[in-house]
Full PDB file with SEQRES, HELIX, SHEET, SSBOND, CRYST1, ORIGX, SCALE, CONECT and MASTER records, all heavy atoms in Angstrom:
SEQRES   1 A   39  TRP ARG ALA GLU VAL ALA ASP ALA GLY ASP ALA ARG MET          
SEQRES   2 A   39  ALA GLU ARG THR LEU LEU ASP GLY ALA VAL ALA THR SER          
SEQRES   3 A   39  SER THR ALA LEU ARG ARG TRP ARG VAL THR GLY PRO ASP          
SHEET    1 AA1 2 ARG A   2  ALA A   6  0                                        
SHEET    2 AA1 2 ARG A  12  THR A  17 -1                                        
CRYST1    1.000    1.000    1.000  90.00  90.00  90.00 P 1           1          
ORIGX1      1.000000  0.000000  0.000000        0.00000                         
ORIGX2      0.000000  1.000000  0.000000        0.00000                         
ORIGX3      0.000000  0.000000  1.000000        0.00000                         
SCALE1      1.000000  0.000000  0.000000        0.00000                         
SCALE2      0.000000  1.000000  0.000000        0.00000                         
SCALE3      0.000000  0.000000  1.000000        0.00000                         
ATOM      1  N   TRP A   1       0.854  -1.217   0.001  1.00  0.00           N  
ATOM      2  CA  TRP A   1      -0.002  -0.049  -0.002  1.00  0.00           C  
ATOM      3  C   TRP A   1       0.944   1.238   0.075  1.00  0.00           C  
ATOM      4  O   TRP A   1       1.972   1.263   0.567  1.00  0.00           O  
ATOM      5  CB  TRP A   1      -0.861   0.048   1.211  1.00  0.00           C  
ATOM      6  CG  TRP A   1      -1.753  -1.166   1.468  1.00  0.00           C  
ATOM      7  CD1 TRP A   1      -1.376  -2.280   2.028  1.00  0.00           C  
ATOM      8  CD2 TRP A   1      -3.087  -1.348   1.003  1.00  0.00           C  
ATOM      9  NE1 TRP A   1      -2.473  -3.210   1.996  1.00  0.00           N  
ATOM     10  CE2 TRP A   1      -3.466  -2.597   1.405  1.00  0.00           C  
ATOM     11  CE3 TRP A   1      -3.976  -0.523   0.268  1.00  0.00           C  
ATOM     12  CZ2 TRP A   1      -4.823  -3.180   1.073  1.00  0.00           C  
ATOM     13  CZ3 TRP A   1      -5.266  -1.048   0.041  1.00  0.00           C  
ATOM     14  CH2 TRP A   1      -5.626  -2.293   0.474  1.00  0.00           C  
ATOM     15  N   ARG A   2       0.361   2.333  -0.637  1.00  0.00           N  
ATOM     16  CA  ARG A   2       1.169   3.593  -0.617  1.00  0.00           C  
ATOM     17  C   ARG A   2       0.297   4.673   0.059  1.00  0.00           C  
ATOM     18  O   ARG A   2      -0.895   4.909  -0.316  1.00  0.00           O  
ATOM     19  CB  ARG A   2       1.456   4.091  -2.085  1.00  0.00           C  
ATOM     20  CG  ARG A   2       2.379   5.239  -2.005  1.00  0.00           C  
ATOM     21  CD  ARG A   2       2.893   5.597  -3.420  1.00  0.00           C  
ATOM     22  NE  ARG A   2       1.898   6.250  -4.235  1.00  0.00           N  
ATOM     23  CZ  ARG A   2       1.413   5.820  -5.376  1.00  0.00           C  
ATOM     24  NH1 ARG A   2       1.748   4.541  -5.739  1.00  0.00           N  
ATOM     25  NH2 ARG A   2       0.514   6.398  -6.105  1.00  0.00           N  
ATOM     26  N   ALA A   3       0.854   5.315   1.059  1.00  0.00           N  
ATOM     27  CA  ALA A   3       0.215   6.392   1.748  1.00  0.00           C  
ATOM     28  C   ALA A   3       0.849   7.700   1.213  1.00  0.00           C  
ATOM     29  O   ALA A   3       2.076   7.910   1.138  1.00  0.00           O  
ATOM     30  CB  ALA A   3       0.465   6.284   3.259  1.00  0.00           C  
ATOM     31  N   GLU A   4      -0.080   8.608   0.854  1.00  0.00           N  
ATOM     32  CA  GLU A   4       0.302   9.972   0.360  1.00  0.00           C  
ATOM     33  C   GLU A   4      -0.178  10.932   1.303  1.00  0.00           C  
ATOM     34  O   GLU A   4      -1.325  10.965   1.622  1.00  0.00           O  
ATOM     35  CB  GLU A   4      -0.221  10.217  -1.040  1.00  0.00           C  
ATOM     36  CG  GLU A   4       0.448   9.348  -2.085  1.00  0.00           C  
ATOM     37  CD  GLU A   4      -0.098   9.596  -3.588  1.00  0.00           C  
ATOM     38  OE1 GLU A   4      -1.253  10.115  -3.594  1.00  0.00           O  
ATOM     39  OE2 GLU A   4       0.592   9.393  -4.483  1.00  0.00           O  
ATOM     40  N   VAL A   5       0.725  11.812   1.782  1.00  0.00           N  
ATOM     41  CA  VAL A   5       0.303  12.985   2.717  1.00  0.00           C  
ATOM     42  C   VAL A   5       0.195  14.235   1.853  1.00  0.00           C  
ATOM     43  O   VAL A   5       1.125  14.576   1.173  1.00  0.00           O  
ATOM     44  CB  VAL A   5       1.346  13.048   3.814  1.00  0.00           C  
ATOM     45  CG1 VAL A   5       0.999  14.236   4.813  1.00  0.00           C  
ATOM     46  CG2 VAL A   5       1.397  11.727   4.622  1.00  0.00           C  
ATOM     47  N   ALA A   6      -0.871  15.003   2.162  1.00  0.00           N  
ATOM     48  CA  ALA A   6      -1.045  16.291   1.393  1.00  0.00           C  
ATOM     49  C   ALA A   6      -1.276  17.355   2.414  1.00  0.00           C  
ATOM     50  O   ALA A   6      -1.674  17.076   3.643  1.00  0.00           O  
ATOM     51  CB  ALA A   6      -2.229  16.265   0.513  1.00  0.00           C  
ATOM     52  N   ASP A   7      -0.986  18.640   1.986  1.00  0.00           N  
ATOM     53  CA  ASP A   7      -1.297  19.707   2.949  1.00  0.00           C  
ATOM     54  C   ASP A   7      -2.753  20.143   2.819  1.00  0.00           C  
ATOM     55  O   ASP A   7      -3.509  19.485   2.130  1.00  0.00           O  
ATOM     56  CB  ASP A   7      -0.298  20.955   2.595  1.00  0.00           C  
ATOM     57  CG  ASP A   7      -0.484  21.411   1.214  1.00  0.00           C  
ATOM     58  OD1 ASP A   7      -1.590  21.154   0.576  1.00  0.00           O  
ATOM     59  OD2 ASP A   7       0.343  22.229   0.748  1.00  0.00           O  
ATOM     60  N   ALA A   8      -3.096  21.221   3.512  1.00  0.00           N  
ATOM     61  CA  ALA A   8      -4.502  21.674   3.498  1.00  0.00           C  
ATOM     62  C   ALA A   8      -5.102  22.035   2.064  1.00  0.00           C  
ATOM     63  O   ALA A   8      -6.142  21.931   1.893  1.00  0.00           O  
ATOM     64  CB  ALA A   8      -4.630  22.849   4.423  1.00  0.00           C  
ATOM     65  N   GLY A   9      -4.134  22.353   1.186  1.00  0.00           N  
ATOM     66  CA  GLY A   9      -4.586  22.660  -0.212  1.00  0.00           C  
ATOM     67  C   GLY A   9      -4.428  21.493  -1.148  1.00  0.00           C  
ATOM     68  O   GLY A   9      -4.615  21.574  -2.302  1.00  0.00           O  
ATOM     69  N   ASP A  10      -4.372  20.273  -0.542  1.00  0.00           N  
ATOM     70  CA  ASP A  10      -4.274  19.012  -1.289  1.00  0.00           C  
ATOM     71  C   ASP A  10      -2.994  18.924  -2.142  1.00  0.00           C  
ATOM     72  O   ASP A  10      -2.933  18.121  -3.028  1.00  0.00           O  
ATOM     73  CB  ASP A  10      -5.488  18.777  -2.164  1.00  0.00           C  
ATOM     74  CG  ASP A  10      -6.621  18.305  -1.330  1.00  0.00           C  
ATOM     75  OD1 ASP A  10      -6.431  17.857  -0.206  1.00  0.00           O  
ATOM     76  OD2 ASP A  10      -7.747  18.230  -1.860  1.00  0.00           O  
ATOM     77  N   ALA A  11      -1.970  19.665  -1.798  1.00  0.00           N  
ATOM     78  CA  ALA A  11      -0.696  19.514  -2.492  1.00  0.00           C  
ATOM     79  C   ALA A  11       0.118  18.361  -1.913  1.00  0.00           C  
ATOM     80  O   ALA A  11       0.259  18.373  -0.621  1.00  0.00           O  
ATOM     81  CB  ALA A  11       0.087  20.806  -2.458  1.00  0.00           C  
ATOM     82  N   ARG A  12       0.519  17.397  -2.680  1.00  0.00           N  
ATOM     83  CA  ARG A  12       1.298  16.245  -2.107  1.00  0.00           C  
ATOM     84  C   ARG A  12       2.589  16.705  -1.422  1.00  0.00           C  
ATOM     85  O   ARG A  12       3.288  17.462  -1.960  1.00  0.00           O  
ATOM     86  CB  ARG A  12       1.571  15.332  -3.215  1.00  0.00           C  
ATOM     87  CG  ARG A  12       0.377  14.685  -3.875  1.00  0.00           C  
ATOM     88  CD  ARG A  12       0.680  13.462  -4.729  1.00  0.00           C  
ATOM     89  NE  ARG A  12       1.897  13.698  -5.445  1.00  0.00           N  
ATOM     90  CZ  ARG A  12       2.750  12.661  -5.915  1.00  0.00           C  
ATOM     91  NH1 ARG A  12       2.438  11.444  -5.558  1.00  0.00           N  
ATOM     92  NH2 ARG A  12       3.818  12.948  -6.679  1.00  0.00           N  
ATOM     93  N   MET A  13       2.776  16.168  -0.273  1.00  0.00           N  
ATOM     94  CA  MET A  13       3.882  16.527   0.599  1.00  0.00           C  
ATOM     95  C   MET A  13       4.962  15.392   0.730  1.00  0.00           C  
ATOM     96  O   MET A  13       6.092  15.589   0.648  1.00  0.00           O  
ATOM     97  CB  MET A  13       3.489  16.999   2.045  1.00  0.00           C  
ATOM     98  CG  MET A  13       2.684  18.128   2.026  1.00  0.00           C  
ATOM     99  SD  MET A  13       3.614  19.656   1.655  1.00  0.00           S  
ATOM    100  CE  MET A  13       4.873  19.596   2.851  1.00  0.00           C  
ATOM    101  N   ALA A  14       4.457  14.227   0.943  1.00  0.00           N  
ATOM    102  CA  ALA A  14       5.225  12.999   1.289  1.00  0.00           C  
ATOM    103  C   ALA A  14       4.516  11.728   1.028  1.00  0.00           C  
ATOM    104  O   ALA A  14       3.203  11.740   0.763  1.00  0.00           O  
ATOM    105  CB  ALA A  14       5.742  13.082   2.646  1.00  0.00           C  
ATOM    106  N   GLU A  15       5.256  10.714   0.957  1.00  0.00           N  
ATOM    107  CA  GLU A  15       4.632   9.312   0.819  1.00  0.00           C  
ATOM    108  C   GLU A  15       5.504   8.295   1.519  1.00  0.00           C  
ATOM    109  O   GLU A  15       6.628   8.441   1.766  1.00  0.00           O  
ATOM    110  CB  GLU A  15       4.455   8.986  -0.724  1.00  0.00           C  
ATOM    111  CG  GLU A  15       5.731   8.717  -1.444  1.00  0.00           C  
ATOM    112  CD  GLU A  15       5.504   8.290  -2.910  1.00  0.00           C  
ATOM    113  OE1 GLU A  15       4.357   8.284  -3.338  1.00  0.00           O  
ATOM    114  OE2 GLU A  15       6.543   7.773  -3.559  1.00  0.00           O  
ATOM    115  N   ARG A  16       4.791   7.116   1.687  1.00  0.00           N  
ATOM    116  CA  ARG A  16       5.486   5.921   2.216  1.00  0.00           C  
ATOM    117  C   ARG A  16       4.723   4.720   1.802  1.00  0.00           C  
ATOM    118  O   ARG A  16       3.612   4.794   1.347  1.00  0.00           O  
ATOM    119  CB  ARG A  16       5.622   5.898   3.708  1.00  0.00           C  
ATOM    120  CG  ARG A  16       4.379   5.624   4.455  1.00  0.00           C  
ATOM    121  CD  ARG A  16       4.598   5.060   5.784  1.00  0.00           C  
ATOM    122  NE  ARG A  16       5.335   3.860   5.708  1.00  0.00           N  
ATOM    123  CZ  ARG A  16       5.591   3.008   6.727  1.00  0.00           C  
ATOM    124  NH1 ARG A  16       5.245   3.274   7.933  1.00  0.00           N  
ATOM    125  NH2 ARG A  16       6.300   1.858   6.536  1.00  0.00           N  
ATOM    126  N   THR A  17       5.357   3.508   1.621  1.00  0.00           N  
ATOM    127  CA  THR A  17       4.684   2.262   1.421  1.00  0.00           C  
ATOM    128  C   THR A  17       4.702   1.446   2.640  1.00  0.00           C  
ATOM    129  O   THR A  17       5.553   1.496   3.517  1.00  0.00           O  
ATOM    130  CB  THR A  17       5.327   1.548   0.238  1.00  0.00           C  
ATOM    131  OG1 THR A  17       6.711   1.190   0.660  1.00  0.00           O  
ATOM    132  CG2 THR A  17       5.381   2.359  -1.030  1.00  0.00           C  
ATOM    133  N   LEU A  18       3.757   0.519   2.735  1.00  0.00           N  
ATOM    134  CA  LEU A  18       3.625  -0.317   3.935  1.00  0.00           C  
ATOM    135  C   LEU A  18       2.670  -1.494   3.650  1.00  0.00           C  
ATOM    136  O   LEU A  18       1.881  -1.491   2.692  1.00  0.00           O  
ATOM    137  CB  LEU A  18       3.085   0.481   5.150  1.00  0.00           C  
ATOM    138  CG  LEU A  18       1.581   1.029   5.106  1.00  0.00           C  
ATOM    139  CD1 LEU A  18       1.094   1.408   6.541  1.00  0.00           C  
ATOM    140  CD2 LEU A  18       1.449   2.209   4.228  1.00  0.00           C  
ATOM    141  N   LEU A  19       2.931  -2.540   4.386  1.00  0.00           N  
ATOM    142  CA  LEU A  19       2.207  -3.832   4.253  1.00  0.00           C  
ATOM    143  C   LEU A  19       1.163  -3.952   5.346  1.00  0.00           C  
ATOM    144  O   LEU A  19       0.048  -4.412   5.128  1.00  0.00           O  
ATOM    145  CB  LEU A  19       3.084  -4.978   4.296  1.00  0.00           C  
ATOM    146  CG  LEU A  19       3.967  -5.293   3.090  1.00  0.00           C  
ATOM    147  CD1 LEU A  19       4.974  -6.382   3.396  1.00  0.00           C  
ATOM    148  CD2 LEU A  19       2.997  -5.705   1.890  1.00  0.00           C  
ATOM    149  N   ASP A  20       1.491  -3.559   6.628  1.00  0.00           N  
ATOM    150  CA  ASP A  20       0.698  -3.697   7.764  1.00  0.00           C  
ATOM    151  C   ASP A  20       0.959  -2.538   8.711  1.00  0.00           C  
ATOM    152  O   ASP A  20       2.015  -2.447   9.313  1.00  0.00           O  
ATOM    153  CB  ASP A  20       0.989  -5.011   8.400  1.00  0.00           C  
ATOM    154  CG  ASP A  20       0.029  -5.267   9.623  1.00  0.00           C  
ATOM    155  OD1 ASP A  20      -0.804  -4.423   9.911  1.00  0.00           O  
ATOM    156  OD2 ASP A  20       0.247  -6.329  10.334  1.00  0.00           O  
ATOM    157  N   GLY A  21      -0.005  -1.565   8.799  1.00  0.00           N  
ATOM    158  CA  GLY A  21       0.233  -0.428   9.632  1.00  0.00           C  
ATOM    159  C   GLY A  21      -0.771   0.606   9.392  1.00  0.00           C  
ATOM    160  O   GLY A  21      -1.810   0.386   8.834  1.00  0.00           O  
ATOM    161  N   ALA A  22      -0.538   1.782   9.907  1.00  0.00           N  
ATOM    162  CA  ALA A  22      -1.575   2.845   9.936  1.00  0.00           C  
ATOM    163  C   ALA A  22      -0.831   4.229   9.644  1.00  0.00           C  
ATOM    164  O   ALA A  22       0.289   4.383   9.901  1.00  0.00           O  
ATOM    165  CB  ALA A  22      -2.316   2.909  11.219  1.00  0.00           C  
ATOM    166  N   VAL A  23      -1.674   5.131   9.177  1.00  0.00           N  
ATOM    167  CA  VAL A  23      -1.308   6.515   9.074  1.00  0.00           C  
ATOM    168  C   VAL A  23      -2.380   7.405   9.543  1.00  0.00           C  
ATOM    169  O   VAL A  23      -3.471   7.274   9.175  1.00  0.00           O  
ATOM    170  CB  VAL A  23      -0.932   6.929   7.540  1.00  0.00           C  
ATOM    171  CG1 VAL A  23      -0.572   8.389   7.467  1.00  0.00           C  
ATOM    172  CG2 VAL A  23       0.142   6.087   7.041  1.00  0.00           C  
ATOM    173  N   ALA A  24      -2.062   8.255  10.505  1.00  0.00           N  
ATOM    174  CA  ALA A  24      -3.057   9.282  11.070  1.00  0.00           C  
ATOM    175  C   ALA A  24      -2.518  10.615  10.936  1.00  0.00           C  
ATOM    176  O   ALA A  24      -1.332  10.921  11.056  1.00  0.00           O  
ATOM    177  CB  ALA A  24      -3.414   8.950  12.486  1.00  0.00           C  
ATOM    178  N   THR A  25      -3.424  11.596  10.627  1.00  0.00           N  
ATOM    179  CA  THR A  25      -3.026  13.005  10.309  1.00  0.00           C  
ATOM    180  C   THR A  25      -3.819  13.846  11.324  1.00  0.00           C  
ATOM    181  O   THR A  25      -5.002  13.743  11.508  1.00  0.00           O  
ATOM    182  CB  THR A  25      -3.324  13.409   8.934  1.00  0.00           C  
ATOM    183  OG1 THR A  25      -2.466  12.592   8.102  1.00  0.00           O  
ATOM    184  CG2 THR A  25      -2.958  14.874   8.712  1.00  0.00           C  
ATOM    185  N   SER A  26      -3.099  14.840  11.928  1.00  0.00           N  
ATOM    186  CA  SER A  26      -3.689  15.816  12.762  1.00  0.00           C  
ATOM    187  C   SER A  26      -3.296  17.192  12.218  1.00  0.00           C  
ATOM    188  O   SER A  26      -2.098  17.407  11.845  1.00  0.00           O  
ATOM    189  CB  SER A  26      -3.314  15.670  14.173  1.00  0.00           C  
ATOM    190  OG  SER A  26      -3.980  16.580  15.015  1.00  0.00           O  
ATOM    191  N   SER A  27      -4.273  18.120  12.061  1.00  0.00           N  
ATOM    192  CA  SER A  27      -3.942  19.455  11.400  1.00  0.00           C  
ATOM    193  C   SER A  27      -4.803  20.534  12.062  1.00  0.00           C  
ATOM    194  O   SER A  27      -5.850  20.300  12.524  1.00  0.00           O  
ATOM    195  CB  SER A  27      -4.271  19.354   9.931  1.00  0.00           C  
ATOM    196  OG  SER A  27      -4.199  20.582   9.313  1.00  0.00           O  
ATOM    197  N   THR A  28      -4.191  21.747  12.108  1.00  0.00           N  
ATOM    198  CA  THR A  28      -4.852  22.889  12.607  1.00  0.00           C  
ATOM    199  C   THR A  28      -5.328  23.764  11.400  1.00  0.00           C  
ATOM    200  O   THR A  28      -5.916  24.820  11.566  1.00  0.00           O  
ATOM    201  CB  THR A  28      -3.964  23.782  13.521  1.00  0.00           C  
ATOM    202  OG1 THR A  28      -2.873  24.207  12.711  1.00  0.00           O  
ATOM    203  CG2 THR A  28      -3.495  22.950  14.672  1.00  0.00           C  
ATOM    204  N   ALA A  29      -5.023  23.294  10.167  1.00  0.00           N  
ATOM    205  CA  ALA A  29      -5.258  24.187   9.049  1.00  0.00           C  
ATOM    206  C   ALA A  29      -6.691  24.223   8.539  1.00  0.00           C  
ATOM    207  O   ALA A  29      -7.142  25.203   7.930  1.00  0.00           O  
ATOM    208  CB  ALA A  29      -4.381  23.644   7.815  1.00  0.00           C  
ATOM    209  N   LEU A  30      -7.498  23.183   8.825  1.00  0.00           N  
ATOM    210  CA  LEU A  30      -8.879  23.103   8.309  1.00  0.00           C  
ATOM    211  C   LEU A  30      -9.935  23.452   9.383  1.00  0.00           C  
ATOM    212  O   LEU A  30     -10.832  24.293   9.033  1.00  0.00           O  
ATOM    213  CB  LEU A  30      -9.145  21.720   7.789  1.00  0.00           C  
ATOM    214  CG  LEU A  30      -8.130  21.212   6.736  1.00  0.00           C  
ATOM    215  CD1 LEU A  30      -8.494  19.776   6.307  1.00  0.00           C  
ATOM    216  CD2 LEU A  30      -8.325  22.193   5.429  1.00  0.00           C  
ATOM    217  N   ARG A  31      -9.893  22.968  10.537  1.00  0.00           N  
ATOM    218  CA  ARG A  31     -10.947  23.280  11.511  1.00  0.00           C  
ATOM    219  C   ARG A  31     -10.483  24.488  12.372  1.00  0.00           C  
ATOM    220  O   ARG A  31      -9.945  24.391  13.391  1.00  0.00           O  
ATOM    221  CB  ARG A  31     -11.110  22.041  12.364  1.00  0.00           C  
ATOM    222  CG  ARG A  31     -11.745  20.899  11.639  1.00  0.00           C  
ATOM    223  CD  ARG A  31     -11.690  19.607  12.446  1.00  0.00           C  
ATOM    224  NE  ARG A  31     -12.490  19.696  13.603  1.00  0.00           N  
ATOM    225  CZ  ARG A  31     -12.586  18.696  14.501  1.00  0.00           C  
ATOM    226  NH1 ARG A  31     -11.905  17.660  14.413  1.00  0.00           N  
ATOM    227  NH2 ARG A  31     -13.253  18.973  15.629  1.00  0.00           N  
ATOM    228  N   ARG A  32     -10.790  25.709  11.852  1.00  0.00           N  
ATOM    229  CA  ARG A  32     -10.343  26.937  12.469  1.00  0.00           C  
ATOM    230  C   ARG A  32     -11.581  27.851  12.542  1.00  0.00           C  
ATOM    231  O   ARG A  32     -12.558  27.747  11.694  1.00  0.00           O  
ATOM    232  CB  ARG A  32      -9.236  27.615  11.686  1.00  0.00           C  
ATOM    233  CG  ARG A  32      -8.019  26.818  11.561  1.00  0.00           C  
ATOM    234  CD  ARG A  32      -6.946  27.605  10.865  1.00  0.00           C  
ATOM    235  NE  ARG A  32      -6.381  28.650  11.758  1.00  0.00           N  
ATOM    236  CZ  ARG A  32      -5.357  28.421  12.554  1.00  0.00           C  
ATOM    237  NH1 ARG A  32      -4.756  27.386  12.582  1.00  0.00           N  
ATOM    238  NH2 ARG A  32      -4.870  29.484  13.298  1.00  0.00           N  
ATOM    239  N   TRP A  33     -11.603  28.797  13.532  1.00  0.00           N  
ATOM    240  CA  TRP A  33     -12.722  29.722  13.562  1.00  0.00           C  
ATOM    241  C   TRP A  33     -12.052  30.929  14.332  1.00  0.00           C  
ATOM    242  O   TRP A  33     -10.977  31.002  14.858  1.00  0.00           O  
ATOM    243  CB  TRP A  33     -13.854  29.147  14.464  1.00  0.00           C  
ATOM    244  CG  TRP A  33     -13.521  28.785  15.765  1.00  0.00           C  
ATOM    245  CD1 TRP A  33     -13.595  29.510  16.944  1.00  0.00           C  
ATOM    246  CD2 TRP A  33     -13.006  27.417  16.182  1.00  0.00           C  
ATOM    247  NE1 TRP A  33     -13.173  28.719  17.996  1.00  0.00           N  
ATOM    248  CE2 TRP A  33     -12.813  27.425  17.590  1.00  0.00           C  
ATOM    249  CE3 TRP A  33     -12.714  26.267  15.459  1.00  0.00           C  
ATOM    250  CZ2 TRP A  33     -12.341  26.406  18.267  1.00  0.00           C  
ATOM    251  CZ3 TRP A  33     -12.243  25.163  16.206  1.00  0.00           C  
ATOM    252  CH2 TRP A  33     -12.042  25.208  17.585  1.00  0.00           C  
ATOM    253  N   ARG A  34     -12.876  32.003  14.365  1.00  0.00           N  
ATOM    254  CA  ARG A  34     -12.399  33.324  15.054  1.00  0.00           C  
ATOM    255  C   ARG A  34     -13.234  33.481  16.398  1.00  0.00           C  
ATOM    256  O   ARG A  34     -14.348  33.184  16.470  1.00  0.00           O  
ATOM    257  CB  ARG A  34     -12.615  34.469  14.080  1.00  0.00           C  
ATOM    258  CG  ARG A  34     -11.716  34.490  12.847  1.00  0.00           C  
ATOM    259  CD  ARG A  34     -11.904  35.689  12.072  1.00  0.00           C  
ATOM    260  NE  ARG A  34     -11.258  36.873  12.672  1.00  0.00           N  
ATOM    261  CZ  ARG A  34      -9.893  37.022  12.719  1.00  0.00           C  
ATOM    262  NH1 ARG A  34      -9.034  36.172  12.141  1.00  0.00           N  
ATOM    263  NH2 ARG A  34      -9.416  38.082  13.314  1.00  0.00           N  
ATOM    264  N   VAL A  35     -12.444  33.947  17.356  1.00  0.00           N  
ATOM    265  CA  VAL A  35     -13.055  34.167  18.661  1.00  0.00           C  
ATOM    266  C   VAL A  35     -12.780  35.631  19.075  1.00  0.00           C  
ATOM    267  O   VAL A  35     -11.732  36.270  18.655  1.00  0.00           O  
ATOM    268  CB  VAL A  35     -12.498  33.223  19.723  1.00  0.00           C  
ATOM    269  CG1 VAL A  35     -12.937  31.856  19.425  1.00  0.00           C  
ATOM    270  CG2 VAL A  35     -11.013  33.300  19.818  1.00  0.00           C  
ATOM    271  N   THR A  36     -13.564  36.202  19.884  1.00  0.00           N  
ATOM    272  CA  THR A  36     -13.402  37.548  20.364  1.00  0.00           C  
ATOM    273  C   THR A  36     -12.936  37.522  21.875  1.00  0.00           C  
ATOM    274  O   THR A  36     -13.702  36.861  22.651  1.00  0.00           O  
ATOM    275  CB  THR A  36     -14.644  38.409  20.206  1.00  0.00           C  
ATOM    276  OG1 THR A  36     -15.008  38.415  18.816  1.00  0.00           O  
ATOM    277  CG2 THR A  36     -14.383  39.786  20.654  1.00  0.00           C  
ATOM    278  N   GLY A  37     -11.839  38.080  22.188  1.00  0.00           N  
ATOM    279  CA  GLY A  37     -11.401  38.075  23.567  1.00  0.00           C  
ATOM    280  C   GLY A  37     -12.047  39.103  24.398  1.00  0.00           C  
ATOM    281  O   GLY A  37     -12.882  39.928  23.894  1.00  0.00           O  
ATOM    282  N   PRO A  38     -11.764  39.107  25.678  1.00  0.00           N  
ATOM    283  CA  PRO A  38     -12.358  40.094  26.606  1.00  0.00           C  
ATOM    284  C   PRO A  38     -12.124  41.541  26.234  1.00  0.00           C  
ATOM    285  O   PRO A  38     -12.914  42.381  26.555  1.00  0.00           O  
ATOM    286  CB  PRO A  38     -11.763  39.803  27.993  1.00  0.00           C  
ATOM    287  CG  PRO A  38     -11.206  38.323  27.867  1.00  0.00           C  
ATOM    288  CD  PRO A  38     -10.818  38.170  26.428  1.00  0.00           C  
ATOM    289  N   ASP A  39     -11.031  41.705  25.540  1.00  0.00           N  
ATOM    290  CA  ASP A  39     -10.662  43.072  25.120  1.00  0.00           C  
ATOM    291  C   ASP A  39     -11.326  43.481  23.775  1.00  0.00           C  
ATOM    292  O   ASP A  39     -11.115  44.594  23.304  1.00  0.00           O  
ATOM    293  CB  ASP A  39      -9.182  43.289  25.007  1.00  0.00           C  
ATOM    294  CG  ASP A  39      -8.606  42.261  24.009  1.00  0.00           C  
ATOM    295  OD1 ASP A  39      -9.226  41.458  23.498  1.00  0.00           O  
ATOM    296  OD2 ASP A  39      -7.363  42.434  23.854  1.00  0.00           O  
TER     297      ASP A  39                                                      
MASTER        0    0    0    0    2    0    0    6  296    1    0    3          
END                                                                             
């Protein structure tokens, strides 16, 4: 199997091959929002 990692704009960044294993991605680029502070 080949795992391809992409950035938030779906541009390919890296890849690896594997037979038995996993790939998990965590990102701050997509789930973002704006908050207003006390000031």
